[in-house]
Amino acid sequence: MPPTRNPQESISRSELRNHEFALVLHWVGVALLAYFLADLAFQA
């Protein structure tokens, strides 16, 4: 089994920033999809 890496040691600041930005975009997308589906349900 390969040794595990400490996440803070292996991730640079820019990679961490990109990861946080991706998480924000993910949840914005989930919220927009939920809004679209709720709007579609109310229009039906």
PDB file of N, CA and C in Angstrom:
ATOM      1  N   MET A   1       0.847  -1.174   0.000  1.00  0.00           N
ATOM      2  CA  MET A   1       0.000   0.000   0.000  1.00  0.00           C
ATOM      3  C   MET A   1       0.895   1.240   0.000  1.00  0.00           C
ATOM      4  N   PRO A   2       0.630   2.206  -0.908  1.00  0.00           N
ATOM      5  CA  PRO A   2       1.483   3.404  -0.945  1.00  0.00           C
ATOM      6  C   PRO A   2       1.245   4.282   0.286  1.00  0.00           C
ATOM      7  N   PRO A   3       2.270   5.000   0.691  1.00  0.00           N
ATOM      8  CA  PRO A   3       2.088   5.882   1.852  1.00  0.00           C
ATOM      9  C   PRO A   3       1.118   7.022   1.529  1.00  0.00           C
ATOM     10  N   THR A   4       0.333   7.378   2.527  1.00  0.00           N
ATOM     11  CA  THR A   4      -0.628   8.468   2.317  1.00  0.00           C
ATOM     12  C   THR A   4       0.084   9.802   2.441  1.00  0.00           C
ATOM     13  N   ARG A   5      -0.420  10.782   1.677  1.00  0.00           N
ATOM     14  CA  ARG A   5       0.183  12.114   1.698  1.00  0.00           C
ATOM     15  C   ARG A   5      -0.628  13.030   2.596  1.00  0.00           C
ATOM     16  N   ASN A   6       0.049  13.960   3.210  1.00  0.00           N
ATOM     17  CA  ASN A   6      -0.632  14.984   3.982  1.00  0.00           C
ATOM     18  C   ASN A   6      -1.231  15.984   2.989  1.00  0.00           C
ATOM     19  N   PRO A   7      -2.548  16.220   3.011  1.00  0.00           N
ATOM     20  CA  PRO A   7      -3.155  17.103   2.002  1.00  0.00           C
ATOM     21  C   PRO A   7      -2.579  18.514   1.994  1.00  0.00           C
ATOM     22  N   GLN A   8      -2.230  19.051   3.159  1.00  0.00           N
ATOM     23  CA  GLN A   8      -1.686  20.410   3.187  1.00  0.00           C
ATOM     24  C   GLN A   8      -0.314  20.488   2.537  1.00  0.00           C
ATOM     25  N   GLU A   9       0.447  19.425   2.580  1.00  0.00           N
ATOM     26  CA  GLU A   9       1.795  19.438   2.012  1.00  0.00           C
ATOM     27  C   GLU A   9       1.768  19.318   0.492  1.00  0.00           C
ATOM     28  N   SER A  10       0.770  18.623  -0.050  1.00  0.00           N
ATOM     29  CA  SER A  10       0.788  18.310  -1.478  1.00  0.00           C
ATOM     30  C   SER A  10      -0.032  19.282  -2.322  1.00  0.00           C
ATOM     31  N   ILE A  11      -0.818  20.145  -1.699  1.00  0.00           N
ATOM     32  CA  ILE A  11      -1.677  21.060  -2.458  1.00  0.00           C
ATOM     33  C   ILE A  11      -1.136  22.484  -2.333  1.00  0.00           C
ATOM     34  N   SER A  12      -0.883  23.109  -3.483  1.00  0.00           N
ATOM     35  CA  SER A  12      -0.407  24.487  -3.456  1.00  0.00           C
ATOM     36  C   SER A  12      -1.579  25.432  -3.261  1.00  0.00           C
ATOM     37  N   ARG A  13      -1.269  26.696  -3.033  1.00  0.00           N
ATOM     38  CA  ARG A  13      -2.318  27.696  -2.828  1.00  0.00           C
ATOM     39  C   ARG A  13      -3.228  27.840  -4.043  1.00  0.00           C
ATOM     40  N   SER A  14      -2.651  27.839  -5.232  1.00  0.00           N
ATOM     41  CA  SER A  14      -3.463  28.003  -6.439  1.00  0.00           C
ATOM     42  C   SER A  14      -4.360  26.788  -6.656  1.00  0.00           C
ATOM     43  N   GLU A  15      -3.850  25.595  -6.355  1.00  0.00           N
ATOM     44  CA  GLU A  15      -4.682  24.398  -6.482  1.00  0.00           C
ATOM     45  C   GLU A  15      -5.824  24.423  -5.473  1.00  0.00           C
ATOM     46  N   LEU A  16      -5.549  24.887  -4.264  1.00  0.00           N
ATOM     47  CA  LEU A  16      -6.589  24.991  -3.248  1.00  0.00           C
ATOM     48  C   LEU A  16      -7.638  26.015  -3.660  1.00  0.00           C
ATOM     49  N   ARG A  17      -7.187  27.152  -4.212  1.00  0.00           N
ATOM     50  CA  ARG A  17      -8.117  28.175  -4.685  1.00  0.00           C
ATOM     51  C   ARG A  17      -8.981  27.634  -5.809  1.00  0.00           C
ATOM     52  N   ASN A  18      -8.378  26.898  -6.743  1.00  0.00           N
ATOM     53  CA  ASN A  18      -9.141  26.302  -7.841  1.00  0.00           C
ATOM     54  C   ASN A  18     -10.153  25.289  -7.320  1.00  0.00           C
ATOM     55  N   HIS A  19      -9.766  24.522  -6.316  1.00  0.00           N
ATOM     56  CA  HIS A  19     -10.674  23.532  -5.746  1.00  0.00           C
ATOM     57  C   HIS A  19     -11.862  24.219  -5.071  1.00  0.00           C
ATOM     58  N   GLU A  20     -11.600  25.283  -4.322  1.00  0.00           N
ATOM     59  CA  GLU A  20     -12.688  26.016  -3.665  1.00  0.00           C
ATOM     60  C   GLU A  20     -13.614  26.651  -4.691  1.00  0.00           C
ATOM     61  N   PHE A  21     -13.050  27.198  -5.774  1.00  0.00           N
ATOM     62  CA  PHE A  21     -13.856  27.793  -6.832  1.00  0.00           C
ATOM     63  C   PHE A  21     -14.724  26.735  -7.501  1.00  0.00           C
ATOM     64  N   ALA A  22     -14.165  25.549  -7.704  1.00  0.00           N
ATOM     65  CA  ALA A  22     -14.934  24.460  -8.305  1.00  0.00           C
ATOM     66  C   ALA A  22     -16.083  24.041  -7.393  1.00  0.00           C
ATOM     67  N   LEU A  23     -15.845  24.011  -6.096  1.00  0.00           N
ATOM     68  CA  LEU A  23     -16.925  23.668  -5.170  1.00  0.00           C
ATOM     69  C   LEU A  23     -18.040  24.702  -5.207  1.00  0.00           C
ATOM     70  N   VAL A  24     -17.679  25.979  -5.261  1.00  0.00           N
ATOM     71  CA  VAL A  24     -18.687  27.037  -5.343  1.00  0.00           C
ATOM     72  C   VAL A  24     -19.486  26.895  -6.631  1.00  0.00           C
ATOM     73  N   LEU A  25     -18.805  26.680  -7.762  1.00  0.00           N
ATOM     74  CA  LEU A  25     -19.505  26.504  -9.025  1.00  0.00           C
ATOM     75  C   LEU A  25     -20.412  25.288  -8.990  1.00  0.00           C
ATOM     76  N   HIS A  26     -19.971  24.221  -8.356  1.00  0.00           N
ATOM     77  CA  HIS A  26     -20.785  23.016  -8.243  1.00  0.00           C
ATOM     78  C   HIS A  26     -22.098  23.323  -7.526  1.00  0.00           C
ATOM     79  N   TRP A  27     -22.013  23.996  -6.378  1.00  0.00           N
ATOM     80  CA  TRP A  27     -23.227  24.250  -5.599  1.00  0.00           C
ATOM     81  C   TRP A  27     -24.110  25.303  -6.249  1.00  0.00           C
ATOM     82  N   VAL A  28     -23.523  26.251  -6.979  1.00  0.00           N
ATOM     83  CA  VAL A  28     -24.333  27.196  -7.749  1.00  0.00           C
ATOM     84  C   VAL A  28     -25.105  26.443  -8.823  1.00  0.00           C
ATOM     85  N   GLY A  29     -24.457  25.500  -9.475  1.00  0.00           N
ATOM     86  CA  GLY A  29     -25.124  24.690 -10.484  1.00  0.00           C
ATOM     87  C   GLY A  29     -26.240  23.852  -9.891  1.00  0.00           C
ATOM     88  N   VAL A  30     -26.004  23.264  -8.728  1.00  0.00           N
ATOM     89  CA  VAL A  30     -27.050  22.481  -8.059  1.00  0.00           C
ATOM     90  C   VAL A  30     -28.234  23.377  -7.712  1.00  0.00           C
ATOM     91  N   ALA A  31     -27.966  24.573  -7.207  1.00  0.00           N
ATOM     92  CA  ALA A  31     -29.045  25.494  -6.847  1.00  0.00           C
ATOM     93  C   ALA A  31     -29.830  25.931  -8.080  1.00  0.00           C
ATOM     94  N   LEU A  32     -29.145  26.220  -9.185  1.00  0.00           N
ATOM     95  CA  LEU A  32     -29.839  26.610 -10.408  1.00  0.00           C
ATOM     96  C   LEU A  32     -30.697  25.468 -10.952  1.00  0.00           C
ATOM     97  N   LEU A  33     -30.179  24.261 -10.882  1.00  0.00           N
ATOM     98  CA  LEU A  33     -30.949  23.108 -11.337  1.00  0.00           C
ATOM     99  C   LEU A  33     -32.187  22.909 -10.469  1.00  0.00           C
ATOM    100  N   ALA A  34     -32.042  23.035  -9.169  1.00  0.00           N
ATOM    101  CA  ALA A  34     -33.187  22.902  -8.265  1.00  0.00           C
ATOM    102  C   ALA A  34     -34.215  23.998  -8.529  1.00  0.00           C
ATOM    103  N   TYR A  35     -33.752  25.225  -8.763  1.00  0.00           N
ATOM    104  CA  TYR A  35     -34.669  26.317  -9.068  1.00  0.00           C
ATOM    105  C   TYR A  35     -35.421  26.047 -10.366  1.00  0.00           C
ATOM    106  N   PHE A  36     -34.710  25.572 -11.381  1.00  0.00           N
ATOM    107  CA  PHE A  36     -35.327  25.256 -12.661  1.00  0.00           C
ATOM    108  C   PHE A  36     -36.389  24.172 -12.503  1.00  0.00           C
ATOM    109  N   LEU A  37     -36.065  23.109 -11.761  1.00  0.00           N
ATOM    110  CA  LEU A  37     -37.018  22.023 -11.577  1.00  0.00           C
ATOM    111  C   LEU A  37     -38.238  22.465 -10.774  1.00  0.00           C
ATOM    112  N   ALA A  38     -38.042  23.286  -9.757  1.00  0.00           N
ATOM    113  CA  ALA A  38     -39.168  23.793  -8.971  1.00  0.00           C
ATOM    114  C   ALA A  38     -40.040  24.702  -9.837  1.00  0.00           C
ATOM    115  N   ASP A  39     -39.439  25.555 -10.635  1.00  0.00           N
ATOM    116  CA  ASP A  39     -40.176  26.448 -11.516  1.00  0.00           C
ATOM    117  C   ASP A  39     -40.970  25.631 -12.547  1.00  0.00           C
ATOM    118  N   LEU A  40     -40.353  24.604 -13.079  1.00  0.00           N
ATOM    119  CA  LEU A  40     -41.018  23.732 -14.047  1.00  0.00           C
ATOM    120  C   LEU A  40     -42.207  23.014 -13.399  1.00  0.00           C
ATOM    121  N   ALA A  41     -42.051  22.562 -12.173  1.00  0.00           N
ATOM    122  CA  ALA A  41     -43.139  21.878 -11.474  1.00  0.00           C
ATOM    123  C   ALA A  41     -44.319  22.823 -11.213  1.00  0.00           C
ATOM    124  N   PHE A  42     -44.022  24.073 -10.859  1.00  0.00           N
ATOM    125  CA  PHE A  42     -45.107  25.023 -10.586  1.00  0.00           C
ATOM    126  C   PHE A  42     -45.819  25.462 -11.859  1.00  0.00           C
ATOM    127  N   GLN A  43     -45.125  25.420 -12.989  1.00  0.00           N
ATOM    128  CA  GLN A  43     -45.766  25.807 -14.255  1.00  0.00           C
ATOM    129  C   GLN A  43     -46.600  24.678 -14.835  1.00  0.00           C
ATOM    130  N   ALA A  44     -46.373  23.468 -14.420  1.00  0.00           N
ATOM    131  CA  ALA A  44     -47.104  22.316 -14.976  1.00  0.00           C
ATOM    132  C   ALA A  44     -48.549  22.293 -14.506  1.00  0.00           C
TER     133      ALA A  44
END
